[in-house]
Amino acid sequence: MALHFELVTPERLVRSEEVHMVVVPGTEGDFGVLEGHAPLMSTIRDGNLEIYKTAGGNAAETIRIEGGFAEVNERGLTVLAERAE
């Protein structure tokens, strides 16, 4: 099973893909999202978004994000960031 992940900024859709897991820098602490995660909304702090493409423990791809919020629902994870590098 794969998690559908989207990263969006006010300017553009940065990513839309199937991944294994994403670790989000929430304002209350980092949290990991896998397929089937319970519905959740969280504000996010400036930090690194870590994207794991497979379950094999490979190194994560890191994207620096600033502000915004994350939503997990039955369709997957959407991160709406003020900025992504």
N, C-alpha and C. Protein backbone atom coordinates (compact mmCIF):
# COMPACT_ATOMS: atom_id res chain seq x y z
N MET A 1 0.84 -1.18 0.00
CA MET A 1 0.00 0.00 0.00
C MET A 1 0.88 1.24 0.00
N ALA A 2 0.36 2.28 -0.62
CA ALA A 2 1.11 3.53 -0.73
C ALA A 2 0.25 4.69 -0.25
N LEU A 3 0.91 5.69 0.24
CA LEU A 3 0.26 6.91 0.70
C LEU A 3 0.28 7.93 -0.43
N HIS A 4 -0.89 8.50 -0.76
CA HIS A 4 -0.90 9.58 -1.75
C HIS A 4 -0.51 10.87 -1.02
N PHE A 5 0.52 11.55 -1.53
CA PHE A 5 1.09 12.74 -0.90
C PHE A 5 1.09 13.90 -1.87
N GLU A 6 0.63 15.05 -1.40
CA GLU A 6 0.70 16.28 -2.19
C GLU A 6 1.30 17.39 -1.34
N LEU A 7 2.20 18.14 -1.94
CA LEU A 7 2.80 19.33 -1.34
C LEU A 7 2.44 20.50 -2.21
N VAL A 8 1.76 21.49 -1.62
CA VAL A 8 1.24 22.62 -2.37
C VAL A 8 1.69 23.92 -1.71
N THR A 9 2.09 24.90 -2.53
CA THR A 9 2.37 26.26 -2.05
C THR A 9 1.37 27.19 -2.74
N PRO A 10 1.30 28.45 -2.33
CA PRO A 10 0.39 29.38 -3.02
C PRO A 10 0.71 29.52 -4.51
N GLU A 11 1.95 29.28 -4.90
CA GLU A 11 2.35 29.45 -6.29
C GLU A 11 2.08 28.24 -7.18
N ARG A 12 2.22 27.02 -6.58
CA ARG A 12 2.15 25.84 -7.45
C ARG A 12 2.00 24.54 -6.66
N LEU A 13 1.68 23.49 -7.39
CA LEU A 13 1.70 22.13 -6.86
C LEU A 13 3.14 21.65 -6.97
N VAL A 14 3.79 21.43 -5.84
CA VAL A 14 5.21 21.05 -5.82
C VAL A 14 5.36 19.55 -6.05
N ARG A 15 4.53 18.74 -5.40
CA ARG A 15 4.61 17.28 -5.51
C ARG A 15 3.22 16.69 -5.49
N SER A 16 3.04 15.61 -6.22
CA SER A 16 1.85 14.78 -6.14
C SER A 16 2.30 13.38 -6.52
N GLU A 17 2.43 12.50 -5.52
CA GLU A 17 2.99 11.17 -5.78
C GLU A 17 2.58 10.18 -4.71
N GLU A 18 2.84 8.91 -5.02
CA GLU A 18 2.62 7.82 -4.07
C GLU A 18 3.95 7.55 -3.36
N VAL A 19 3.91 7.53 -2.03
CA VAL A 19 5.12 7.31 -1.23
C VAL A 19 4.81 6.31 -0.11
N HIS A 20 5.85 5.89 0.60
CA HIS A 20 5.65 4.99 1.74
C HIS A 20 5.26 5.77 3.00
N MET A 21 6.04 6.83 3.31
CA MET A 21 5.80 7.59 4.53
C MET A 21 6.33 9.01 4.38
N VAL A 22 5.68 9.94 5.09
CA VAL A 22 6.14 11.32 5.15
C VAL A 22 6.20 11.73 6.61
N VAL A 23 7.30 12.37 7.01
CA VAL A 23 7.43 12.92 8.36
C VAL A 23 7.27 14.44 8.25
N VAL A 24 6.29 14.96 8.97
CA VAL A 24 5.89 16.37 8.88
C VAL A 24 6.33 17.11 10.15
N PRO A 25 6.90 18.32 10.00
CA PRO A 25 7.28 19.11 11.19
C PRO A 25 6.06 19.86 11.76
N GLY A 26 5.28 19.19 12.58
CA GLY A 26 4.11 19.82 13.19
C GLY A 26 4.50 20.79 14.29
N THR A 27 3.61 21.71 14.61
CA THR A 27 3.93 22.68 15.67
C THR A 27 4.02 22.01 17.04
N GLU A 28 3.37 20.86 17.22
CA GLU A 28 3.45 20.12 18.48
C GLU A 28 4.51 19.03 18.44
N GLY A 29 5.26 18.97 17.34
CA GLY A 29 6.30 17.95 17.19
C GLY A 29 6.17 17.26 15.85
N ASP A 30 7.23 16.59 15.44
CA ASP A 30 7.22 15.87 14.16
C ASP A 30 6.27 14.68 14.25
N PHE A 31 5.59 14.38 13.14
CA PHE A 31 4.74 13.20 13.10
C PHE A 31 4.86 12.52 11.74
N GLY A 32 4.82 11.20 11.76
CA GLY A 32 4.92 10.40 10.54
C GLY A 32 3.54 9.98 10.07
N VAL A 33 3.37 9.96 8.75
CA VAL A 33 2.08 9.57 8.17
C VAL A 33 2.32 8.40 7.21
N LEU A 34 1.59 7.32 7.44
CA LEU A 34 1.59 6.14 6.57
C LEU A 34 0.19 5.99 5.99
N GLU A 35 0.04 5.14 4.98
CA GLU A 35 -1.27 4.81 4.43
C GLU A 35 -2.17 4.32 5.55
N GLY A 36 -3.42 4.77 5.57
CA GLY A 36 -4.37 4.33 6.59
C GLY A 36 -4.33 5.13 7.88
N HIS A 37 -3.54 6.21 7.92
CA HIS A 37 -3.45 7.06 9.12
C HIS A 37 -4.83 7.63 9.45
N ALA A 38 -5.10 7.81 10.71
CA ALA A 38 -6.36 8.42 11.14
C ALA A 38 -6.44 9.86 10.63
N PRO A 39 -7.64 10.35 10.34
CA PRO A 39 -7.80 11.74 9.89
C PRO A 39 -7.20 12.71 10.91
N LEU A 40 -6.55 13.75 10.40
CA LEU A 40 -5.82 14.68 11.26
C LEU A 40 -5.62 16.00 10.53
N MET A 41 -5.66 17.09 11.28
CA MET A 41 -5.25 18.39 10.76
C MET A 41 -4.26 18.97 11.76
N SER A 42 -3.19 19.57 11.25
CA SER A 42 -2.17 20.14 12.12
C SER A 42 -1.54 21.35 11.45
N THR A 43 -1.22 22.34 12.26
CA THR A 43 -0.39 23.42 11.74
C THR A 43 1.04 22.90 11.69
N ILE A 44 1.84 23.51 10.81
CA ILE A 44 3.23 23.07 10.69
C ILE A 44 4.16 24.24 10.96
N ARG A 45 5.34 23.89 11.47
CA ARG A 45 6.35 24.90 11.74
C ARG A 45 7.39 24.85 10.62
N ASP A 46 8.24 25.84 10.56
CA ASP A 46 9.34 25.82 9.62
C ASP A 46 10.22 24.62 9.94
N GLY A 47 10.57 23.85 8.92
CA GLY A 47 11.40 22.67 9.16
C GLY A 47 11.52 21.82 7.92
N ASN A 48 12.01 20.61 8.10
CA ASN A 48 12.23 19.69 6.99
C ASN A 48 11.12 18.65 6.90
N LEU A 49 10.57 18.54 5.72
CA LEU A 49 9.62 17.49 5.40
C LEU A 49 10.44 16.32 4.88
N GLU A 50 10.27 15.14 5.47
CA GLU A 50 11.05 13.97 5.06
C GLU A 50 10.14 13.01 4.31
N ILE A 51 10.54 12.66 3.09
CA ILE A 51 9.73 11.79 2.23
C ILE A 51 10.47 10.47 2.03
N TYR A 52 9.83 9.39 2.45
CA TYR A 52 10.37 8.04 2.28
C TYR A 52 9.60 7.37 1.16
N LYS A 53 10.29 7.09 0.05
CA LYS A 53 9.63 6.51 -1.12
C LYS A 53 9.28 5.04 -0.93
N THR A 54 10.13 4.29 -0.19
CA THR A 54 9.89 2.86 0.02
C THR A 54 10.06 2.50 1.49
N ALA A 55 9.62 1.30 1.83
CA ALA A 55 9.68 0.84 3.22
C ALA A 55 11.05 0.28 3.59
N GLY A 56 11.96 0.17 2.63
CA GLY A 56 13.23 -0.48 2.86
C GLY A 56 14.23 0.27 3.71
N GLY A 57 13.84 1.36 4.34
CA GLY A 57 14.76 2.09 5.18
C GLY A 57 15.75 2.96 4.42
N ASN A 58 15.45 3.22 3.16
CA ASN A 58 16.31 4.09 2.36
C ASN A 58 16.32 5.50 2.93
N ALA A 59 17.33 6.26 2.59
CA ALA A 59 17.43 7.64 3.06
C ALA A 59 16.24 8.45 2.56
N ALA A 60 15.80 9.36 3.39
CA ALA A 60 14.66 10.20 3.05
C ALA A 60 15.09 11.34 2.15
N GLU A 61 14.18 11.76 1.29
CA GLU A 61 14.36 13.00 0.53
C GLU A 61 13.84 14.11 1.43
N THR A 62 14.56 15.20 1.54
CA THR A 62 14.20 16.28 2.44
C THR A 62 13.85 17.53 1.65
N ILE A 63 12.72 18.14 2.02
CA ILE A 63 12.31 19.41 1.43
C ILE A 63 12.08 20.38 2.57
N ARG A 64 12.70 21.53 2.51
CA ARG A 64 12.55 22.57 3.52
C ARG A 64 11.22 23.28 3.29
N ILE A 65 10.38 23.37 4.32
CA ILE A 65 9.11 24.07 4.19
C ILE A 65 8.99 25.13 5.28
N GLU A 66 8.13 26.10 5.01
CA GLU A 66 7.88 27.17 5.97
C GLU A 66 6.39 27.35 6.15
N GLY A 67 5.94 27.26 7.39
CA GLY A 67 4.57 27.54 7.76
C GLY A 67 3.51 26.75 7.00
N GLY A 68 2.26 26.90 7.42
CA GLY A 68 1.15 26.27 6.74
C GLY A 68 0.46 25.23 7.60
N PHE A 69 -0.18 24.26 6.93
CA PHE A 69 -0.82 23.18 7.68
C PHE A 69 -0.85 21.90 6.86
N ALA A 70 -1.12 20.81 7.57
CA ALA A 70 -1.18 19.49 6.96
C ALA A 70 -2.54 18.87 7.25
N GLU A 71 -3.05 18.15 6.26
CA GLU A 71 -4.32 17.44 6.44
C GLU A 71 -4.16 15.99 5.99
N VAL A 72 -4.57 15.08 6.85
CA VAL A 72 -4.61 13.66 6.51
C VAL A 72 -6.08 13.28 6.45
N ASN A 73 -6.49 12.67 5.32
CA ASN A 73 -7.86 12.17 5.19
C ASN A 73 -7.84 10.86 4.43
N GLU A 74 -9.00 10.38 4.03
CA GLU A 74 -9.06 9.08 3.34
C GLU A 74 -8.34 9.09 2.00
N ARG A 75 -8.08 10.24 1.42
CA ARG A 75 -7.38 10.34 0.14
C ARG A 75 -5.86 10.38 0.31
N GLY A 76 -5.36 10.68 1.52
CA GLY A 76 -3.93 10.73 1.76
C GLY A 76 -3.53 11.96 2.57
N LEU A 77 -2.32 12.44 2.32
CA LEU A 77 -1.73 13.58 3.04
C LEU A 77 -1.56 14.75 2.10
N THR A 78 -2.08 15.90 2.51
CA THR A 78 -1.84 17.15 1.77
C THR A 78 -1.16 18.13 2.72
N VAL A 79 -0.02 18.66 2.27
CA VAL A 79 0.69 19.69 3.03
C VAL A 79 0.56 20.98 2.25
N LEU A 80 -0.05 21.98 2.88
CA LEU A 80 -0.19 23.31 2.30
C LEU A 80 0.82 24.21 3.00
N ALA A 81 1.93 24.46 2.34
CA ALA A 81 3.02 25.21 2.95
C ALA A 81 3.08 26.62 2.36
N GLU A 82 3.46 27.57 3.19
CA GLU A 82 3.64 28.93 2.70
C GLU A 82 4.78 29.00 1.69
N ARG A 83 5.77 28.13 1.92
CA ARG A 83 6.95 28.11 1.05
C ARG A 83 7.61 26.74 1.09
N ALA A 84 8.15 26.30 -0.03
CA ALA A 84 8.88 25.04 -0.10
C ALA A 84 10.11 25.23 -0.99
N GLU A 85 11.25 24.71 -0.53
CA GLU A 85 12.50 24.85 -1.29
C GLU A 85 13.00 23.49 -1.74
